[in-house]
């Protein structure tokens, strides 16, 4: 109810862990099977469902059950009449992220925040990285992934002067374009910790 982006990331992972097709039912939706007789289309009687019909219905049922069981009563009241998981997911997404135009506006603000962020002299690296990670994760939850190489480059450009010897050493010894983010973060955390102990 209060932290949609956190819930969304967890739910995506949880639904995929049940079965990839459960997640696909949320993304692509599910339509009740139909049959056409004499040019007229109507819902297929459940006793005439085939294996595929049952499987597709099952993926949707697992997804909608998961959504119902992982929201607050207030959020549940918004989606309790939904029978299709995609419909419930889309309702929550629109309520908490806004319409496509609102999402674009939020992404633009995140892009500006990403570009303007730099580490202050008074900050630890972990404090700076937490702010950067929040921007990266928020962007991902709105549907736009920031490439790891871009995050690596941003970190190297945004560090204060006290990190410059380490940045120079990394740039000389590593192919920065292929440097893993976790490797860079670990190196910088170790460097900061080592220098603090010396002081």
C-alpha atoms as a PDB file:
ATOM      1  CA  UNK A   1       0.000   0.000   0.000  1.00  0.00           C
ATOM      2  CA  UNK A   2       2.768   2.485   0.829  1.00  0.00           C
ATOM      3  CA  UNK A   3       5.720   1.282  -1.245  1.00  0.00           C
ATOM      4  CA  UNK A   4       4.451   0.179  -4.624  1.00  0.00           C
ATOM      5  CA  UNK A   5       7.799   0.053  -6.423  1.00  0.00           C
ATOM      6  CA  UNK A   6       9.186  -2.309  -3.757  1.00  0.00           C
ATOM      7  CA  UNK A   7       6.058  -4.489  -3.936  1.00  0.00           C
ATOM      8  CA  UNK A   8       6.104  -4.526  -7.748  1.00  0.00           C
ATOM      9  CA  UNK A   9       9.696  -5.759  -7.928  1.00  0.00           C
ATOM     10  CA  UNK A  10       9.022  -8.460  -5.331  1.00  0.00           C
ATOM     11  CA  UNK A  11       5.793  -9.569  -7.011  1.00  0.00           C
ATOM     12  CA  UNK A  12       7.411  -9.828 -10.420  1.00  0.00           C
ATOM     13  CA  UNK A  13      10.075 -12.101  -8.960  1.00  0.00           C
ATOM     14  CA  UNK A  14       7.526 -14.106  -6.952  1.00  0.00           C
ATOM     15  CA  UNK A  15       5.154 -14.665  -9.889  1.00  0.00           C
ATOM     16  CA  UNK A  16       8.024 -15.755 -12.146  1.00  0.00           C
ATOM     17  CA  UNK A  17       9.168 -18.187  -9.444  1.00  0.00           C
ATOM     18  CA  UNK A  18       5.747 -19.862  -9.476  1.00  0.00           C
ATOM     19  CA  UNK A  19       6.031 -20.353 -13.212  1.00  0.00           C
ATOM     20  CA  UNK A  20       7.147 -18.144 -16.080  1.00  0.00           C
ATOM     21  CA  UNK A  21       3.686 -18.596 -17.619  1.00  0.00           C
ATOM     22  CA  UNK A  22       2.082 -17.120 -14.497  1.00  0.00           C
ATOM     23  CA  UNK A  23       4.055 -13.935 -15.074  1.00  0.00           C
ATOM     24  CA  UNK A  24       3.213 -13.993 -18.787  1.00  0.00           C
ATOM     25  CA  UNK A  25      -0.476 -14.199 -17.927  1.00  0.00           C
ATOM     26  CA  UNK A  26      -0.071 -10.979 -15.953  1.00  0.00           C
ATOM     27  CA  UNK A  27       1.741  -9.267 -18.812  1.00  0.00           C
ATOM     28  CA  UNK A  28      -0.370 -10.580 -21.696  1.00  0.00           C
ATOM     29  CA  UNK A  29      -3.716 -11.210 -20.039  1.00  0.00           C
ATOM     30  CA  UNK A  30      -6.099 -14.125 -20.245  1.00  0.00           C
ATOM     31  CA  UNK A  31      -9.314 -14.404 -22.214  1.00  0.00           C
ATOM     32  CA  UNK A  32     -12.028 -16.908 -21.448  1.00  0.00           C
ATOM     33  CA  UNK A  33     -12.130 -19.612 -24.163  1.00  0.00           C
ATOM     34  CA  UNK A  34     -14.826 -19.148 -26.784  1.00  0.00           C
ATOM     35  CA  UNK A  35     -16.424 -21.194 -29.524  1.00  0.00           C
ATOM     36  CA  UNK A  36     -18.164 -20.079 -32.680  1.00  0.00           C
ATOM     37  CA  UNK A  37     -21.307 -21.792 -33.892  1.00  0.00           C
ATOM     38  CA  UNK A  38     -23.114 -20.652 -37.026  1.00  0.00           C
ATOM     39  CA  UNK A  39     -21.092 -17.438 -37.023  1.00  0.00           C
ATOM     40  CA  UNK A  40     -21.963 -16.634 -33.408  1.00  0.00           C
ATOM     41  CA  UNK A  41     -19.169 -16.550 -30.805  1.00  0.00           C
ATOM     42  CA  UNK A  42     -19.893 -17.257 -27.155  1.00  0.00           C
ATOM     43  CA  UNK A  43     -18.021 -18.554 -24.066  1.00  0.00           C
ATOM     44  CA  UNK A  44     -17.013 -22.165 -24.340  1.00  0.00           C
ATOM     45  CA  UNK A  45     -18.759 -24.354 -21.731  1.00  0.00           C
ATOM     46  CA  UNK A  46     -16.201 -25.420 -19.162  1.00  0.00           C
ATOM     47  CA  UNK A  47     -16.949 -29.100 -19.788  1.00  0.00           C
ATOM     48  CA  UNK A  48     -15.656 -28.561 -23.319  1.00  0.00           C
ATOM     49  CA  UNK A  49     -12.387 -26.959 -22.295  1.00  0.00           C
ATOM     50  CA  UNK A  50      -9.290 -28.765 -23.524  1.00  0.00           C
ATOM     51  CA  UNK A  51      -5.936 -29.112 -21.745  1.00  0.00           C
ATOM     52  CA  UNK A  52      -4.630 -25.794 -23.099  1.00  0.00           C
ATOM     53  CA  UNK A  53      -7.766 -23.972 -21.951  1.00  0.00           C
ATOM     54  CA  UNK A  54      -7.362 -25.347 -18.431  1.00  0.00           C
ATOM     55  CA  UNK A  55      -3.650 -24.539 -18.324  1.00  0.00           C
ATOM     56  CA  UNK A  56      -4.137 -20.943 -19.438  1.00  0.00           C
ATOM     57  CA  UNK A  57      -6.933 -20.472 -16.918  1.00  0.00           C
ATOM     58  CA  UNK A  58      -4.721 -21.970 -14.217  1.00  0.00           C
ATOM     59  CA  UNK A  59      -1.873 -19.528 -14.895  1.00  0.00           C
ATOM     60  CA  UNK A  60      -4.303 -16.628 -14.574  1.00  0.00           C
ATOM     61  CA  UNK A  61      -5.882 -18.071 -11.407  1.00  0.00           C
ATOM     62  CA  UNK A  62      -2.494 -18.477  -9.722  1.00  0.00           C
ATOM     63  CA  UNK A  63      -1.550 -14.932 -10.658  1.00  0.00           C
ATOM     64  CA  UNK A  64      -4.774 -13.308  -9.454  1.00  0.00           C
ATOM     65  CA  UNK A  65      -4.659 -15.295  -6.207  1.00  0.00           C
ATOM     66  CA  UNK A  66      -1.096 -14.109  -5.603  1.00  0.00           C
ATOM     67  CA  UNK A  67      -2.104 -10.495  -6.184  1.00  0.00           C
ATOM     68  CA  UNK A  68      -5.131 -10.752  -3.895  1.00  0.00           C
ATOM     69  CA  UNK A  69      -3.035 -12.269  -1.096  1.00  0.00           C
ATOM     70  CA  UNK A  70      -0.232  -9.702  -1.177  1.00  0.00           C
ATOM     71  CA  UNK A  71      -2.007  -6.354  -0.993  1.00  0.00           C
ATOM     72  CA  UNK A  72      -3.504  -4.370   1.864  1.00  0.00           C
ATOM     73  CA  UNK A  73      -7.277  -4.373   2.392  1.00  0.00           C
ATOM     74  CA  UNK A  74      -7.443  -0.902   0.855  1.00  0.00           C
ATOM     75  CA  UNK A  75      -5.608  -2.029  -2.294  1.00  0.00           C
ATOM     76  CA  UNK A  76      -7.653  -5.236  -2.409  1.00  0.00           C
ATOM     77  CA  UNK A  77     -10.848  -3.200  -2.578  1.00  0.00           C
ATOM     78  CA  UNK A  78      -9.569  -1.679  -5.824  1.00  0.00           C
ATOM     79  CA  UNK A  79      -9.082  -5.029  -7.556  1.00  0.00           C
ATOM     80  CA  UNK A  80     -11.418  -7.472  -5.790  1.00  0.00           C
ATOM     81  CA  UNK A  81     -13.830  -7.605  -8.732  1.00  0.00           C
ATOM     82  CA  UNK A  82     -11.120  -8.471 -11.241  1.00  0.00           C
ATOM     83  CA  UNK A  83     -11.072 -11.982 -12.649  1.00  0.00           C
ATOM     84  CA  UNK A  84      -8.109 -11.411 -14.952  1.00  0.00           C
ATOM     85  CA  UNK A  85      -4.685 -10.870 -13.368  1.00  0.00           C
ATOM     86  CA  UNK A  86      -3.560  -8.381 -16.011  1.00  0.00           C
ATOM     87  CA  UNK A  87      -6.568  -6.183 -15.265  1.00  0.00           C
ATOM     88  CA  UNK A  88      -5.742  -6.117 -11.536  1.00  0.00           C
ATOM     89  CA  UNK A  89      -2.042  -5.488 -12.228  1.00  0.00           C
ATOM     90  CA  UNK A  90      -2.839  -2.635 -14.619  1.00  0.00           C
ATOM     91  CA  UNK A  91      -5.224  -0.998 -12.125  1.00  0.00           C
ATOM     92  CA  UNK A  92      -2.588  -0.974  -9.385  1.00  0.00           C
ATOM     93  CA  UNK A  93       0.075   0.205 -11.815  1.00  0.00           C
ATOM     94  CA  UNK A  94      -2.050   3.123 -13.030  1.00  0.00           C
ATOM     95  CA  UNK A  95      -3.013   4.132  -9.484  1.00  0.00           C
ATOM     96  CA  UNK A  96       0.572   4.136  -8.200  1.00  0.00           C
ATOM     97  CA  UNK A  97       2.585   5.050 -11.296  1.00  0.00           C
ATOM     98  CA  UNK A  98       0.041   7.117 -13.194  1.00  0.00           C
ATOM     99  CA  UNK A  99      -0.928   7.185 -16.833  1.00  0.00           C
ATOM    100  CA  UNK A 100       1.704   6.755 -19.577  1.00  0.00           C
ATOM    101  CA  UNK A 101       2.207  10.538 -19.707  1.00  0.00           C
ATOM    102  CA  UNK A 102       2.733  10.670 -15.927  1.00  0.00           C
ATOM    103  CA  UNK A 103       5.213   7.785 -16.155  1.00  0.00           C
ATOM    104  CA  UNK A 104       7.138   9.645 -18.860  1.00  0.00           C
ATOM    105  CA  UNK A 105       7.267  12.696 -16.625  1.00  0.00           C
ATOM    106  CA  UNK A 106       8.549  10.620 -13.703  1.00  0.00           C
ATOM    107  CA  UNK A 107      11.189   9.018 -15.918  1.00  0.00           C
ATOM    108  CA  UNK A 108      12.327  12.447 -17.091  1.00  0.00           C
ATOM    109  CA  UNK A 109      12.728  13.571 -13.483  1.00  0.00           C
ATOM    110  CA  UNK A 110      14.674  10.397 -12.672  1.00  0.00           C
ATOM    111  CA  UNK A 111      16.926  10.966 -15.685  1.00  0.00           C
ATOM    112  CA  UNK A 112      17.654  14.506 -14.471  1.00  0.00           C
ATOM    113  CA  UNK A 113      18.344  13.226 -10.954  1.00  0.00           C
ATOM    114  CA  UNK A 114      20.676  10.565 -12.358  1.00  0.00           C
ATOM    115  CA  UNK A 115      22.601  13.094 -14.415  1.00  0.00           C
ATOM    116  CA  UNK A 116      22.881  15.656 -11.609  1.00  0.00           C
ATOM    117  CA  UNK A 117      23.773  13.279  -8.776  1.00  0.00           C
ATOM    118  CA  UNK A 118      27.306  13.455  -7.436  1.00  0.00           C
ATOM    119  CA  UNK A 119      28.927  12.291  -4.245  1.00  0.00           C
ATOM    120  CA  UNK A 120      29.447  14.992  -1.627  1.00  0.00           C
ATOM    121  CA  UNK A 121      32.663  15.249   0.353  1.00  0.00           C
ATOM    122  CA  UNK A 122      30.679  14.701   3.547  1.00  0.00           C
ATOM    123  CA  UNK A 123      29.081  11.478   2.262  1.00  0.00           C
ATOM    124  CA  UNK A 124      30.318   7.928   2.502  1.00  0.00           C
ATOM    125  CA  UNK A 125      30.389   5.897  -0.680  1.00  0.00           C
ATOM    126  CA  UNK A 126      27.578   3.691   0.650  1.00  0.00           C
ATOM    127  CA  UNK A 127      25.343   6.728   1.188  1.00  0.00           C
ATOM    128  CA  UNK A 128      25.987   7.935  -2.348  1.00  0.00           C
ATOM    129  CA  UNK A 129      25.472   4.481  -3.835  1.00  0.00           C
ATOM    130  CA  UNK A 130      22.159   4.088  -1.965  1.00  0.00           C
ATOM    131  CA  UNK A 131      20.868   7.283  -3.629  1.00  0.00           C
ATOM    132  CA  UNK A 132      22.070   6.135  -7.038  1.00  0.00           C
ATOM    133  CA  UNK A 133      20.545   2.680  -6.578  1.00  0.00           C
ATOM    134  CA  UNK A 134      17.209   4.220  -5.638  1.00  0.00           C
ATOM    135  CA  UNK A 135      17.168   6.162  -8.919  1.00  0.00           C
ATOM    136  CA  UNK A 136      18.199   3.108 -10.947  1.00  0.00           C
ATOM    137  CA  UNK A 137      15.610   0.862  -9.284  1.00  0.00           C
ATOM    138  CA  UNK A 138      12.831   3.445  -9.611  1.00  0.00           C
ATOM    139  CA  UNK A 139      13.602   3.796 -13.310  1.00  0.00           C
ATOM    140  CA  UNK A 140      13.519   0.014 -13.755  1.00  0.00           C
ATOM    141  CA  UNK A 141      10.166  -0.231 -11.985  1.00  0.00           C
ATOM    142  CA  UNK A 142       8.774   2.371 -14.382  1.00  0.00           C
ATOM    143  CA  UNK A 143       9.872   0.231 -17.313  1.00  0.00           C
ATOM    144  CA  UNK A 144      13.209   1.792 -18.264  1.00  0.00           C
ATOM    145  CA  UNK A 145      16.390  -0.077 -17.376  1.00  0.00           C
ATOM    146  CA  UNK A 146      19.599   1.928 -16.962  1.00  0.00           C
ATOM    147  CA  UNK A 147      22.459  -0.098 -18.412  1.00  0.00           C
ATOM    148  CA  UNK A 148      25.070  -1.358 -15.976  1.00  0.00           C
ATOM    149  CA  UNK A 149      27.851   0.227 -18.034  1.00  0.00           C
ATOM    150  CA  UNK A 150      26.107   3.596 -17.726  1.00  0.00           C
ATOM    151  CA  UNK A 151      25.867   3.211 -13.939  1.00  0.00           C
ATOM    152  CA  UNK A 152      29.564   2.287 -13.765  1.00  0.00           C
ATOM    153  CA  UNK A 153      30.493   5.351 -15.793  1.00  0.00           C
ATOM    154  CA  UNK A 154      28.269   7.552 -13.635  1.00  0.00           C
ATOM    155  CA  UNK A 155      29.962   6.365 -10.440  1.00  0.00           C
ATOM    156  CA  UNK A 156      33.463   6.944 -11.792  1.00  0.00           C
ATOM    157  CA  UNK A 157      32.545  10.480 -12.892  1.00  0.00           C
ATOM    158  CA  UNK A 158      30.743  11.389  -9.671  1.00  0.00           C
ATOM    159  CA  UNK A 159      33.292  10.634  -6.965  1.00  0.00           C
ATOM    160  CA  UNK A 160      35.050  13.397  -4.994  1.00  0.00           C
ATOM    161  CA  UNK A 161      38.768  14.091  -5.249  1.00  0.00           C
ATOM    162  CA  UNK A 162      39.711  11.722  -2.433  1.00  0.00           C
ATOM    163  CA  UNK A 163      38.767   8.803  -4.724  1.00  0.00           C
ATOM    164  CA  UNK A 164      40.727  10.088  -7.717  1.00  0.00           C
ATOM    165  CA  UNK A 165      43.815   7.846  -7.222  1.00  0.00           C
ATOM    166  CA  UNK A 166      41.566   4.775  -7.139  1.00  0.00           C
ATOM    167  CA  UNK A 167      39.518   5.932 -10.136  1.00  0.00           C
ATOM    168  CA  UNK A 168      42.706   6.482 -12.143  1.00  0.00           C
ATOM    169  CA  UNK A 169      44.004   3.040 -11.174  1.00  0.00           C
ATOM    170  CA  UNK A 170      40.726   1.394 -12.180  1.00  0.00           C
ATOM    171  CA  UNK A 171      40.583   3.201 -15.540  1.00  0.00           C
ATOM    172  CA  UNK A 172      44.184   2.253 -16.316  1.00  0.00           C
ATOM    173  CA  UNK A 173      43.859  -1.389 -15.277  1.00  0.00           C
ATOM    174  CA  UNK A 174      40.310  -2.218 -16.385  1.00  0.00           C
ATOM    175  CA  UNK A 175      38.163  -2.103 -19.484  1.00  0.00           C
ATOM    176  CA  UNK A 176      35.631   0.268 -17.952  1.00  0.00           C
ATOM    177  CA  UNK A 177      32.978  -0.536 -20.566  1.00  0.00           C
ATOM    178  CA  UNK A 178      32.949  -4.161 -19.395  1.00  0.00           C
ATOM    179  CA  UNK A 179      33.577  -3.561 -15.688  1.00  0.00           C
ATOM    180  CA  UNK A 180      30.978  -5.258 -13.484  1.00  0.00           C
ATOM    181  CA  UNK A 181      29.070  -2.967 -11.160  1.00  0.00           C
ATOM    182  CA  UNK A 182      29.426  -5.182  -8.091  1.00  0.00           C
ATOM    183  CA  UNK A 183      33.185  -5.406  -8.684  1.00  0.00           C
ATOM    184  CA  UNK A 184      33.481  -1.624  -8.877  1.00  0.00           C
ATOM    185  CA  UNK A 185      31.340  -1.092  -5.792  1.00  0.00           C
ATOM    186  CA  UNK A 186      33.393  -3.622  -3.810  1.00  0.00           C
ATOM    187  CA  UNK A 187      36.662  -1.984  -4.880  1.00  0.00           C
ATOM    188  CA  UNK A 188      35.486   1.476  -3.867  1.00  0.00           C
ATOM    189  CA  UNK A 189      34.083   0.288  -0.534  1.00  0.00           C
ATOM    190  CA  UNK A 190      37.384  -1.426   0.255  1.00  0.00           C
ATOM    191  CA  UNK A 191      39.367   1.636  -0.798  1.00  0.00           C
ATOM    192  CA  UNK A 192      37.304   3.950   1.406  1.00  0.00           C
ATOM    193  CA  UNK A 193      37.472   1.568   4.384  1.00  0.00           C
ATOM    194  CA  UNK A 194      41.247   1.174   4.007  1.00  0.00           C
ATOM    195  CA  UNK A 195      41.840   4.911   3.859  1.00  0.00           C
ATOM    196  CA  UNK A 196      39.645   5.545   6.889  1.00  0.00           C
ATOM    197  CA  UNK A 197      41.663   3.035   8.893  1.00  0.00           C
ATOM    198  CA  UNK A 198      44.895   4.735   7.856  1.00  0.00           C
ATOM    199  CA  UNK A 199      43.572   8.093   9.004  1.00  0.00           C
END
